[in-house]
Amino acid sequence: MTQPKHARDTDNGRYYSDPAGGPDLVSVTNVLNTSVNKTRSLMPWAVKLTLEWIFDHRMEVARRALTDREALTKQLKQIHIDARDTAADLGTLIHKAAEHRFLGAPFAVEKAVAPYLAQLEAFLGFWGVDIDKHVEAAEITCLHRRLGYAGTADLMIWLPTGPGRSLELWLIDFKTSATRSAKDVYPENTQQLAALRYCETVLLPDDSEQPMPHIQRTGVLNLRAKSHALVEMPAGRDAHKAFRGALINALWHHDAPSSYPALLAPDQPVPARWRNFRKVA
């Protein structure tokens, strides 16, 4: 994940500071990370990754299970965490490279990023995109002060998807993965796009503001090392309503105390039926 200009990490996840001086705004991804249970998809992935490592190192595992069990257990528990962090770091590099590409800024293409950037170029070529003419914005911060959230839109772009190949303004979010199919998306991707789509304002690089552009269509651009796919997502008002519910839930969790005082019973005679029990205990 990239680090937008006004974003900062807190104990409760990412928040945006408001350049106009208002209250901090919770990030869209923070809301979804707090409110959406991803265990169903992430746990099988973590188990699969760990099992594959065990199978590939079975002789070492058998030996260390007898001689180095504690350290082996610690290493096995760390495998999926390291893989997740590596994937996140790669995703950040890809997003940054894409941002530089759209802004026309020079950048060095790292070896791990090059295949994904090539798929982005293929996407632009297939759709006949002229960056100077068709890219409305890239990595732009969107604010919804009234509801108290903010987020960063990866790309606003005009694509010829309307009647007679007329141009329509798309809001697109990039998703990267080394393992998932280019056609795969998560349901919460729709809420993420809807949250951004229905923001009130966008921040320009000088922190001046403009009304949020009228977005006609939304989608996820999945970038893989050898393929890509633009998957349209139905990020309408119903998805935004669902996001608002997730927002309320996330803010409640962020404000909730981490502990509560125990309630002590008043001094009372111990009931006769408990006396023997208390003596034994």
C-alpha atoms as a PDB file:
ATOM      1  CA  MET A   1       0.000   0.000   0.000  1.00  0.00           C
ATOM      2  CA  THR A   2       1.338   3.425  -0.933  1.00  0.00           C
ATOM      3  CA  GLN A   3       1.598   6.263   1.580  1.00  0.00           C
ATOM      4  CA  PRO A   4      -0.590   9.154   0.379  1.00  0.00           C
ATOM      5  CA  LYS A   5       0.411  12.694   1.308  1.00  0.00           C
ATOM      6  CA  HIS A   6      -1.993  13.184   4.229  1.00  0.00           C
ATOM      7  CA  ALA A   7      -2.193   9.573   5.406  1.00  0.00           C
ATOM      8  CA  ARG A   8      -0.648   8.450   8.660  1.00  0.00           C
ATOM      9  CA  ASP A   9      -0.606   5.194  10.582  1.00  0.00           C
ATOM     10  CA  THR A  10      -2.104   5.086  14.079  1.00  0.00           C
ATOM     11  CA  ASP A  11      -2.711   2.414  16.696  1.00  0.00           C
ATOM     12  CA  ASN A  12      -6.140   1.989  15.072  1.00  0.00           C
ATOM     13  CA  GLY A  13      -4.860   1.783  11.502  1.00  0.00           C
ATOM     14  CA  ARG A  14      -4.542   4.418   8.813  1.00  0.00           C
ATOM     15  CA  TYR A  15      -6.187   7.832   9.149  1.00  0.00           C
ATOM     16  CA  TYR A  16      -5.989  10.933   6.971  1.00  0.00           C
ATOM     17  CA  SER A  17      -5.344  14.392   8.360  1.00  0.00           C
ATOM     18  CA  ASP A  18      -7.590  17.074   6.900  1.00  0.00           C
ATOM     19  CA  PRO A  19      -5.586  19.935   5.357  1.00  0.00           C
ATOM     20  CA  ALA A  20      -8.567  22.195   6.100  1.00  0.00           C
ATOM     21  CA  GLY A  21      -8.031  21.542   9.806  1.00  0.00           C
ATOM     22  CA  GLY A  22     -11.009  19.328  10.541  1.00  0.00           C
ATOM     23  CA  PRO A  23     -11.057  16.026  12.436  1.00  0.00           C
ATOM     24  CA  ASP A  24      -8.956  13.146  11.156  1.00  0.00           C
ATOM     25  CA  LEU A  25     -10.705  10.922   8.626  1.00  0.00           C
ATOM     26  CA  VAL A  26     -10.522   7.132   8.807  1.00  0.00           C
ATOM     27  CA  SER A  27      -9.217   5.514   5.631  1.00  0.00           C
ATOM     28  CA  VAL A  28     -11.464   3.385   3.447  1.00  0.00           C
ATOM     29  CA  THR A  29      -9.114   0.396   3.615  1.00  0.00           C
ATOM     30  CA  ASN A  30      -8.872   0.742   7.395  1.00  0.00           C
ATOM     31  CA  VAL A  31     -12.662   0.517   7.621  1.00  0.00           C
ATOM     32  CA  LEU A  32     -12.773  -2.642   5.533  1.00  0.00           C
ATOM     33  CA  ASN A  33      -9.786  -4.224   7.268  1.00  0.00           C
ATOM     34  CA  THR A  34     -11.562  -3.698  10.601  1.00  0.00           C
ATOM     35  CA  SER A  35     -15.066  -4.725   9.573  1.00  0.00           C
ATOM     36  CA  VAL A  36     -14.617  -7.476   6.968  1.00  0.00           C
ATOM     37  CA  ASN A  37     -13.684 -10.960   8.156  1.00  0.00           C
ATOM     38  CA  LYS A  38     -11.054 -12.289   5.754  1.00  0.00           C
ATOM     39  CA  THR A  39     -10.293 -15.429   7.728  1.00  0.00           C
ATOM     40  CA  ARG A  40     -12.259 -17.634   5.343  1.00  0.00           C
ATOM     41  CA  SER A  41      -9.969 -16.786   2.432  1.00  0.00           C
ATOM     42  CA  LEU A  42      -6.679 -16.070   4.192  1.00  0.00           C
ATOM     43  CA  MET A  43      -6.572 -19.093   6.508  1.00  0.00           C
ATOM     44  CA  PRO A  44      -6.626 -21.730   3.715  1.00  0.00           C
ATOM     45  CA  TRP A  45      -3.946 -19.740   1.886  1.00  0.00           C
ATOM     46  CA  ALA A  46      -1.747 -19.620   4.990  1.00  0.00           C
ATOM     47  CA  VAL A  47      -2.214 -23.351   5.642  1.00  0.00           C
ATOM     48  CA  LYS A  48      -1.438 -24.215   1.998  1.00  0.00           C
ATOM     49  CA  LEU A  49       1.699 -22.071   2.005  1.00  0.00           C
ATOM     50  CA  THR A  50       2.954 -23.631   5.228  1.00  0.00           C
ATOM     51  CA  LEU A  51       2.242 -27.177   4.065  1.00  0.00           C
ATOM     52  CA  GLU A  52       4.089 -26.584   0.810  1.00  0.00           C
ATOM     53  CA  TRP A  53       7.125 -25.415   2.761  1.00  0.00           C
ATOM     54  CA  ILE A  54       6.955 -28.485   5.003  1.00  0.00           C
ATOM     55  CA  PHE A  55       6.716 -30.825   2.005  1.00  0.00           C
ATOM     56  CA  ASP A  56       9.674 -29.106   0.325  1.00  0.00           C
ATOM     57  CA  HIS A  57      11.749 -29.352   3.523  1.00  0.00           C
ATOM     58  CA  ARG A  58      10.366 -32.601   4.915  1.00  0.00           C
ATOM     59  CA  MET A  59      13.747 -34.100   5.907  1.00  0.00           C
ATOM     60  CA  GLU A  60      14.716 -30.941   7.757  1.00  0.00           C
ATOM     61  CA  VAL A  61      11.310 -30.802   9.434  1.00  0.00           C
ATOM     62  CA  ALA A  62      11.550 -34.432  10.568  1.00  0.00           C
ATOM     63  CA  ARG A  63      14.996 -33.842  12.063  1.00  0.00           C
ATOM     64  CA  ARG A  64      14.168 -30.543  13.740  1.00  0.00           C
ATOM     65  CA  ALA A  65      10.858 -31.865  15.107  1.00  0.00           C
ATOM     66  CA  LEU A  66      13.018 -34.024  17.388  1.00  0.00           C
ATOM     67  CA  THR A  67      15.938 -31.689  18.084  1.00  0.00           C
ATOM     68  CA  ASP A  68      14.707 -28.115  17.558  1.00  0.00           C
ATOM     69  CA  ARG A  69      10.950 -28.226  17.964  1.00  0.00           C
ATOM     70  CA  GLU A  70      10.420 -24.771  19.493  1.00  0.00           C
ATOM     71  CA  ALA A  71      12.452 -22.895  16.866  1.00  0.00           C
ATOM     72  CA  LEU A  72      10.863 -24.944  14.070  1.00  0.00           C
ATOM     73  CA  THR A  73       7.381 -24.079  15.318  1.00  0.00           C
ATOM     74  CA  LYS A  74       8.281 -20.391  15.403  1.00  0.00           C
ATOM     75  CA  GLN A  75       9.630 -20.559  11.837  1.00  0.00           C
ATOM     76  CA  LEU A  76       6.543 -22.353  10.517  1.00  0.00           C
ATOM     77  CA  LYS A  77       4.244 -19.761  12.089  1.00  0.00           C
ATOM     78  CA  GLN A  78       6.251 -17.001  10.385  1.00  0.00           C
ATOM     79  CA  ILE A  79       6.068 -18.395   6.829  1.00  0.00           C
ATOM     80  CA  HIS A  80       2.709 -16.924   5.805  1.00  0.00           C
ATOM     81  CA  ILE A  81       3.485 -13.622   7.556  1.00  0.00           C
ATOM     82  CA  ASP A  82       6.699 -13.194   5.568  1.00  0.00           C
ATOM     83  CA  ALA A  83       4.888 -14.093   2.351  1.00  0.00           C
ATOM     84  CA  ARG A  84       2.125 -11.572   3.100  1.00  0.00           C
ATOM     85  CA  ASP A  85       4.627  -8.803   3.828  1.00  0.00           C
ATOM     86  CA  THR A  86       6.604  -9.575   0.675  1.00  0.00           C
ATOM     87  CA  ALA A  87       3.431  -9.431  -1.422  1.00  0.00           C
ATOM     88  CA  ALA A  88       2.433  -6.133   0.211  1.00  0.00           C
ATOM     89  CA  ASP A  89       5.851  -4.633  -0.490  1.00  0.00           C
ATOM     90  CA  LEU A  90       5.639  -5.712  -4.127  1.00  0.00           C
ATOM     91  CA  GLY A  91       2.142  -4.259  -4.423  1.00  0.00           C
ATOM     92  CA  THR A  92       3.399  -0.930  -3.082  1.00  0.00           C
ATOM     93  CA  LEU A  93       6.213  -0.865  -5.643  1.00  0.00           C
ATOM     94  CA  ILE A  94       3.796  -1.646  -8.480  1.00  0.00           C
ATOM     95  CA  HIS A  95       1.373   1.083  -7.381  1.00  0.00           C
ATOM     96  CA  LYS A  96       4.226   3.580  -7.156  1.00  0.00           C
ATOM     97  CA  ALA A  97       5.506   2.662 -10.606  1.00  0.00           C
ATOM     98  CA  ALA A  98       2.003   3.028 -12.054  1.00  0.00           C
ATOM     99  CA  GLU A  99       1.628   6.444 -10.420  1.00  0.00           C
ATOM    100  CA  HIS A 100       4.913   7.653 -11.933  1.00  0.00           C
ATOM    101  CA  ARG A 101       3.871   6.282 -15.313  1.00  0.00           C
ATOM    102  CA  PHE A 102       0.598   8.220 -15.320  1.00  0.00           C
ATOM    103  CA  LEU A 103       2.207  11.414 -14.026  1.00  0.00           C
ATOM    104  CA  GLY A 104       5.006  11.234 -16.575  1.00  0.00           C
ATOM    105  CA  ALA A 105       7.656  11.227 -13.842  1.00  0.00           C
ATOM    106  CA  PRO A 106      10.930   9.340 -14.389  1.00  0.00           C
ATOM    107  CA  PHE A 107      11.404   6.151 -12.394  1.00  0.00           C
ATOM    108  CA  ALA A 108      13.532   3.033 -12.362  1.00  0.00           C
ATOM    109  CA  VAL A 109      11.690  -0.226 -13.021  1.00  0.00           C
ATOM    110  CA  GLU A 110      12.734  -2.925 -10.588  1.00  0.00           C
ATOM    111  CA  LYS A 111      13.019  -6.456 -11.905  1.00  0.00           C
ATOM    112  CA  ALA A 112      10.144  -7.778  -9.787  1.00  0.00           C
ATOM    113  CA  VAL A 113       7.882  -4.934 -10.924  1.00  0.00           C
ATOM    114  CA  ALA A 114       8.633  -5.095 -14.662  1.00  0.00           C
ATOM    115  CA  PRO A 115       6.188  -7.934 -15.581  1.00  0.00           C
ATOM    116  CA  TYR A 116       3.290  -6.196 -13.836  1.00  0.00           C
ATOM    117  CA  LEU A 117       4.102  -2.860 -15.413  1.00  0.00           C
ATOM    118  CA  ALA A 118       4.202  -4.593 -18.800  1.00  0.00           C
ATOM    119  CA  GLN A 119       0.638  -5.793 -18.183  1.00  0.00           C
ATOM    120  CA  LEU A 120      -0.402  -2.239 -17.322  1.00  0.00           C
ATOM    121  CA  GLU A 121       1.072  -1.092 -20.631  1.00  0.00           C
ATOM    122  CA  ALA A 122      -0.829  -3.871 -22.389  1.00  0.00           C
ATOM    123  CA  PHE A 123      -4.065  -2.677 -20.772  1.00  0.00           C
ATOM    124  CA  LEU A 124      -3.427   0.889 -21.928  1.00  0.00           C
ATOM    125  CA  GLY A 125      -2.631  -0.316 -25.433  1.00  0.00           C
ATOM    126  CA  PHE A 126      -5.690  -2.556 -25.753  1.00  0.00           C
ATOM    127  CA  TRP A 127      -7.998   0.294 -24.757  1.00  0.00           C
ATOM    128  CA  GLY A 128      -6.228   2.899 -26.862  1.00  0.00           C
ATOM    129  CA  VAL A 129      -5.453   5.092 -23.874  1.00  0.00           C
ATOM    130  CA  ASP A 130      -3.629   8.355 -24.437  1.00  0.00           C
ATOM    131  CA  ILE A 131      -2.434   9.281 -20.959  1.00  0.00           C
ATOM    132  CA  ASP A 132      -2.444  13.012 -21.654  1.00  0.00           C
ATOM    133  CA  LYS A 133      -6.018  12.909 -22.974  1.00  0.00           C
ATOM    134  CA  HIS A 134      -7.736  10.116 -21.082  1.00  0.00           C
ATOM    135  CA  VAL A 135      -6.269  10.005 -17.572  1.00  0.00           C
ATOM    136  CA  GLU A 136      -8.278  12.319 -15.338  1.00  0.00           C
ATOM    137  CA  ALA A 137      -6.332  11.633 -12.137  1.00  0.00           C
ATOM    138  CA  ALA A 138      -3.973   9.124 -10.539  1.00  0.00           C
ATOM    139  CA  GLU A 139      -3.396   8.489  -6.832  1.00  0.00           C
ATOM    140  CA  ILE A 140      -5.778  11.273  -5.845  1.00  0.00           C
ATOM    141  CA  THR A 141      -7.111  11.677  -2.306  1.00  0.00           C
ATOM    142  CA  CYS A 142     -10.893  11.686  -1.948  1.00  0.00           C
ATOM    143  CA  LEU A 143     -12.675  13.039   1.135  1.00  0.00           C
ATOM    144  CA  HIS A 144     -16.096  12.559   2.687  1.00  0.00           C
ATOM    145  CA  ARG A 145     -15.986  14.917   5.648  1.00  0.00           C
ATOM    146  CA  ARG A 146     -19.654  14.562   6.529  1.00  0.00           C
ATOM    147  CA  LEU A 147     -19.292  10.799   7.070  1.00  0.00           C
ATOM    148  CA  GLY A 148     -15.726  11.076   8.362  1.00  0.00           C
ATOM    149  CA  TYR A 149     -13.653   9.012   5.929  1.00  0.00           C
ATOM    150  CA  ALA A 150     -11.097   9.425   3.150  1.00  0.00           C
ATOM    151  CA  GLY A 151      -9.259   7.282   0.640  1.00  0.00           C
ATOM    152  CA  THR A 152      -6.990   7.355  -2.369  1.00  0.00           C
ATOM    153  CA  ALA A 153      -8.249   6.556  -5.845  1.00  0.00           C
ATOM    154  CA  ASP A 154      -5.676   4.721  -7.951  1.00  0.00           C
ATOM    155  CA  LEU A 155      -6.994   5.895 -11.303  1.00  0.00           C
ATOM    156  CA  MET A 156      -9.767   7.954 -12.896  1.00  0.00           C
ATOM    157  CA  ILE A 157      -9.695   7.320 -16.609  1.00  0.00           C
ATOM    158  CA  TRP A 158     -11.885   7.804 -19.686  1.00  0.00           C
ATOM    159  CA  LEU A 159     -12.506   4.536 -21.544  1.00  0.00           C
ATOM    160  CA  PRO A 160     -14.570   3.947 -24.726  1.00  0.00           C
ATOM    161  CA  THR A 161     -17.241   1.803 -23.068  1.00  0.00           C
ATOM    162  CA  GLY A 162     -20.333   3.904 -23.718  1.00  0.00           C
ATOM    163  CA  PRO A 163     -22.834   3.669 -26.592  1.00  0.00           C
ATOM    164  CA  GLY A 164     -21.028   3.862 -29.920  1.00  0.00           C
ATOM    165  CA  ARG A 165     -17.709   3.573 -28.047  1.00  0.00           C
ATOM    166  CA  SER A 166     -18.262   6.946 -26.411  1.00  0.00           C
ATOM    167  CA  LEU A 167     -16.000   7.769 -23.480  1.00  0.00           C
ATOM    168  CA  GLU A 168     -17.077   7.081 -19.904  1.00  0.00           C
ATOM    169  CA  LEU A 169     -15.255   8.066 -16.733  1.00  0.00           C
ATOM    170  CA  TRP A 170     -14.078   5.020 -14.785  1.00  0.00           C
ATOM    171  CA  LEU A 171     -12.821   4.795 -11.232  1.00  0.00           C
ATOM    172  CA  ILE A 172     -10.306   1.942 -11.160  1.00  0.00           C
ATOM    173  CA  ASP A 173      -8.437   0.302  -8.308  1.00  0.00           C
ATOM    174  CA  PHE A 174      -5.321  -1.755  -8.990  1.00  0.00           C
ATOM    175  CA  LYS A 175      -4.984  -5.172  -7.366  1.00  0.00           C
ATOM    176  CA  THR A 176      -1.813  -7.244  -7.623  1.00  0.00           C
ATOM    177  CA  SER A 177      -1.100 -10.867  -6.802  1.00  0.00           C
ATOM    178  CA  ALA A 178       1.491 -13.479  -7.648  1.00  0.00           C
ATOM    179  CA  THR A 179      -0.923 -16.386  -7.208  1.00  0.00           C
ATOM    180  CA  ARG A 180      -4.573 -15.413  -7.785  1.00  0.00           C
ATOM    181  CA  SER A 181      -6.317 -15.490 -11.145  1.00  0.00           C
ATOM    182  CA  ALA A 182      -6.627 -12.154 -12.935  1.00  0.00           C
ATOM    183  CA  LYS A 183     -10.404 -12.628 -12.874  1.00  0.00           C
ATOM    184  CA  ASP A 184     -10.653 -12.987  -9.083  1.00  0.00           C
ATOM    185  CA  VAL A 185     -12.047 -10.200  -6.910  1.00  0.00           C
ATOM    186  CA  TYR A 186     -13.330  -9.911  -3.354  1.00  0.00           C
ATOM    187  CA  PRO A 187     -16.822  -8.621  -2.474  1.00  0.00           C
ATOM    188  CA  GLU A 188     -15.344  -5.847  -0.343  1.00  0.00           C
ATOM    189  CA  ASN A 189     -13.658  -4.425  -3.450  1.00  0.00           C
ATOM    190  CA  THR A 190     -17.125  -3.191  -4.426  1.00  0.00           C
ATOM    191  CA  GLN A 191     -17.524  -1.368  -1.109  1.00  0.00           C
ATOM    192  CA  GLN A 192     -14.079   0.180  -1.471  1.00  0.00           C
ATOM    193  CA  LEU A 193     -14.915   1.562  -4.900  1.00  0.00           C
ATOM    194  CA  ALA A 194     -18.337   2.775  -3.782  1.00  0.00           C
ATOM    195  CA  ALA A 195     -16.795   4.599  -0.807  1.00  0.00           C
ATOM    196  CA  LEU A 196     -14.447   6.474  -3.141  1.00  0.00           C
ATOM    197  CA  ARG A 197     -17.056   7.012  -5.845  1.00  0.00           C
ATOM    198  CA  TYR A 198     -19.441   8.826  -3.505  1.00  0.00           C
ATOM    199  CA  CYS A 199     -16.890  11.025  -1.767  1.00  0.00           C
ATOM    200  CA  GLU A 200     -17.689  14.719  -1.676  1.00  0.00           C
ATOM    201  CA  THR A 201     -14.380  16.267  -2.747  1.00  0.00           C
ATOM    202  CA  VAL A 202     -10.930  15.483  -4.120  1.00  0.00           C
ATOM    203  CA  LEU A 203      -7.643  17.072  -3.086  1.00  0.00           C
ATOM    204  CA  LEU A 204      -5.330  18.434  -5.758  1.00  0.00           C
ATOM    205  CA  PRO A 205      -1.537  18.333  -5.254  1.00  0.00           C
ATOM    206  CA  ASP A 206      -1.559  21.881  -3.812  1.00  0.00           C
ATOM    207  CA  ASP A 207      -4.293  20.861  -1.311  1.00  0.00           C
ATOM    208  CA  SER A 208      -6.932  22.885  -3.087  1.00  0.00           C
ATOM    209  CA  GLU A 209     -10.243  21.094  -3.548  1.00  0.00           C
ATOM    210  CA  GLN A 210     -12.650  20.234  -6.299  1.00  0.00           C
ATOM    211  CA  PRO A 211     -15.980  18.402  -6.225  1.00  0.00           C
ATOM    212  CA  MET A 212     -15.722  14.677  -6.777  1.00  0.00           C
ATOM    213  CA  PRO A 213     -16.088  14.005 -10.514  1.00  0.00           C
ATOM    214  CA  HIS A 214     -19.166  12.133 -11.671  1.00  0.00           C
ATOM    215  CA  ILE A 215     -17.988   8.536 -11.957  1.00  0.00           C
ATOM    216  CA  GLN A 216     -19.924   6.511 -14.519  1.00  0.00           C
ATOM    217  CA  ARG A 217     -18.378   3.057 -14.016  1.00  0.00           C
ATOM    218  CA  THR A 218     -16.095   1.364 -11.516  1.00  0.00           C
ATOM    219  CA  GLY A 219     -13.784  -1.603 -11.672  1.00  0.00           C
ATOM    220  CA  VAL A 220     -10.752  -3.472 -10.439  1.00  0.00           C
ATOM    221  CA  LEU A 221      -7.735  -3.764 -12.718  1.00  0.00           C
ATOM    222  CA  ASN A 222      -6.046  -6.999 -11.690  1.00  0.00           C
ATOM    223  CA  LEU A 223      -2.372  -6.952 -12.650  1.00  0.00           C
ATOM    224  CA  ARG A 224      -0.531 -10.253 -12.724  1.00  0.00           C
ATOM    225  CA  ALA A 225       2.950 -11.135 -13.951  1.00  0.00           C
ATOM    226  CA  LYS A 226       1.606 -12.750 -17.141  1.00  0.00           C
ATOM    227  CA  SER A 227      -1.936 -11.421 -17.506  1.00  0.00           C
ATOM    228  CA  HIS A 228      -4.360  -8.696 -16.549  1.00  0.00           C
ATOM    229  CA  ALA A 229      -8.118  -8.179 -16.436  1.00  0.00           C
ATOM    230  CA  LEU A 230     -10.435  -5.235 -15.925  1.00  0.00           C
ATOM    231  CA  VAL A 231     -13.319  -6.502 -13.793  1.00  0.00           C
ATOM    232  CA  GLU A 232     -16.308  -4.168 -13.555  1.00  0.00           C
ATOM    233  CA  MET A 233     -17.733  -3.898 -10.035  1.00  0.00           C
ATOM    234  CA  PRO A 234     -21.322  -2.802  -9.228  1.00  0.00           C
ATOM    235  CA  ALA A 235     -20.276  -0.061  -6.819  1.00  0.00           C
ATOM    236  CA  GLY A 236     -23.662   1.643  -6.566  1.00  0.00           C
ATOM    237  CA  ARG A 237     -25.607   3.193  -3.717  1.00  0.00           C
ATOM    238  CA  ASP A 238     -26.375  -0.203  -2.180  1.00  0.00           C
ATOM    239  CA  ALA A 239     -22.660  -0.932  -1.885  1.00  0.00           C
ATOM    240  CA  HIS A 240     -22.116   2.505  -0.369  1.00  0.00           C
ATOM    241  CA  LYS A 241     -24.855   1.802   2.169  1.00  0.00           C
ATOM    242  CA  ALA A 242     -23.050  -1.411   3.114  1.00  0.00           C
ATOM    243  CA  PHE A 243     -19.793   0.519   3.449  1.00  0.00           C
ATOM    244  CA  ARG A 244     -21.451   3.040   5.757  1.00  0.00           C
ATOM    245  CA  GLY A 245     -22.465   0.172   8.015  1.00  0.00           C
ATOM    246  CA  ALA A 246     -18.870  -1.065   8.015  1.00  0.00           C
ATOM    247  CA  LEU A 247     -17.747   2.491   8.787  1.00  0.00           C
ATOM    248  CA  ILE A 248     -19.963   2.722  11.872  1.00  0.00           C
ATOM    249  CA  ASN A 249     -18.702  -0.662  13.050  1.00  0.00           C
ATOM    250  CA  ALA A 250     -15.041   0.258  12.498  1.00  0.00           C
ATOM    251  CA  LEU A 251     -15.281   3.577  14.338  1.00  0.00           C
ATOM    252  CA  TRP A 252     -17.029   1.847  17.252  1.00  0.00           C
ATOM    253  CA  HIS A 253     -14.167  -0.649  17.496  1.00  0.00           C
ATOM    254  CA  HIS A 254     -11.558   2.111  17.268  1.00  0.00           C
ATOM    255  CA  ASP A 255     -13.184   4.040  20.124  1.00  0.00           C
ATOM    256  CA  ALA A 256     -14.006   1.056  22.337  1.00  0.00           C
ATOM    257  CA  PRO A 257     -11.845   0.555  25.464  1.00  0.00           C
ATOM    258  CA  SER A 258      -9.460  -2.366  25.396  1.00  0.00           C
ATOM    259  CA  SER A 259     -10.435  -3.395  28.931  1.00  0.00           C
ATOM    260  CA  TYR A 260     -13.204  -2.876  31.461  1.00  0.00           C
ATOM    261  CA  PRO A 261     -13.087  -2.996  35.277  1.00  0.00           C
ATOM    262  CA  ALA A 262     -14.290  -6.205  36.857  1.00  0.00           C
ATOM    263  CA  LEU A 263     -17.422  -5.955  38.980  1.00  0.00           C
ATOM    264  CA  LEU A 264     -16.807  -7.029  42.565  1.00  0.00           C
ATOM    265  CA  ALA A 265     -19.702  -8.470  44.549  1.00  0.00           C
ATOM    266  CA  PRO A 266     -20.572  -6.752  47.859  1.00  0.00           C
ATOM    267  CA  ASP A 267     -19.521  -8.490  51.089  1.00  0.00           C
ATOM    268  CA  GLN A 268     -22.200 -11.002  51.939  1.00  0.00           C
ATOM    269  CA  PRO A 269     -22.315 -14.161  54.067  1.00  0.00           C
ATOM    270  CA  VAL A 270     -21.277 -17.171  52.064  1.00  0.00           C
ATOM    271  CA  PRO A 271     -24.299 -19.447  51.415  1.00  0.00           C
ATOM    272  CA  ALA A 272     -24.075 -22.675  53.398  1.00  0.00           C
ATOM    273  CA  ARG A 273     -24.194 -24.820  50.272  1.00  0.00           C
ATOM    274  CA  TRP A 274     -20.973 -23.117  49.022  1.00  0.00           C
ATOM    275  CA  ARG A 275     -18.923 -23.367  52.224  1.00  0.00           C
ATOM    276  CA  ASN A 276     -17.510 -26.845  51.630  1.00  0.00           C
ATOM    277  CA  PHE A 277     -16.775 -25.991  48.004  1.00  0.00           C
ATOM    278  CA  ARG A 278     -14.859 -22.859  48.990  1.00  0.00           C
ATOM    279  CA  LYS A 279     -12.806 -24.794  51.553  1.00  0.00           C
ATOM    280  CA  VAL A 280     -11.829 -27.382  48.969  1.00  0.00           C
ATOM    281  CA  ALA A 281     -11.026 -24.697  46.410  1.00  0.00           C
END
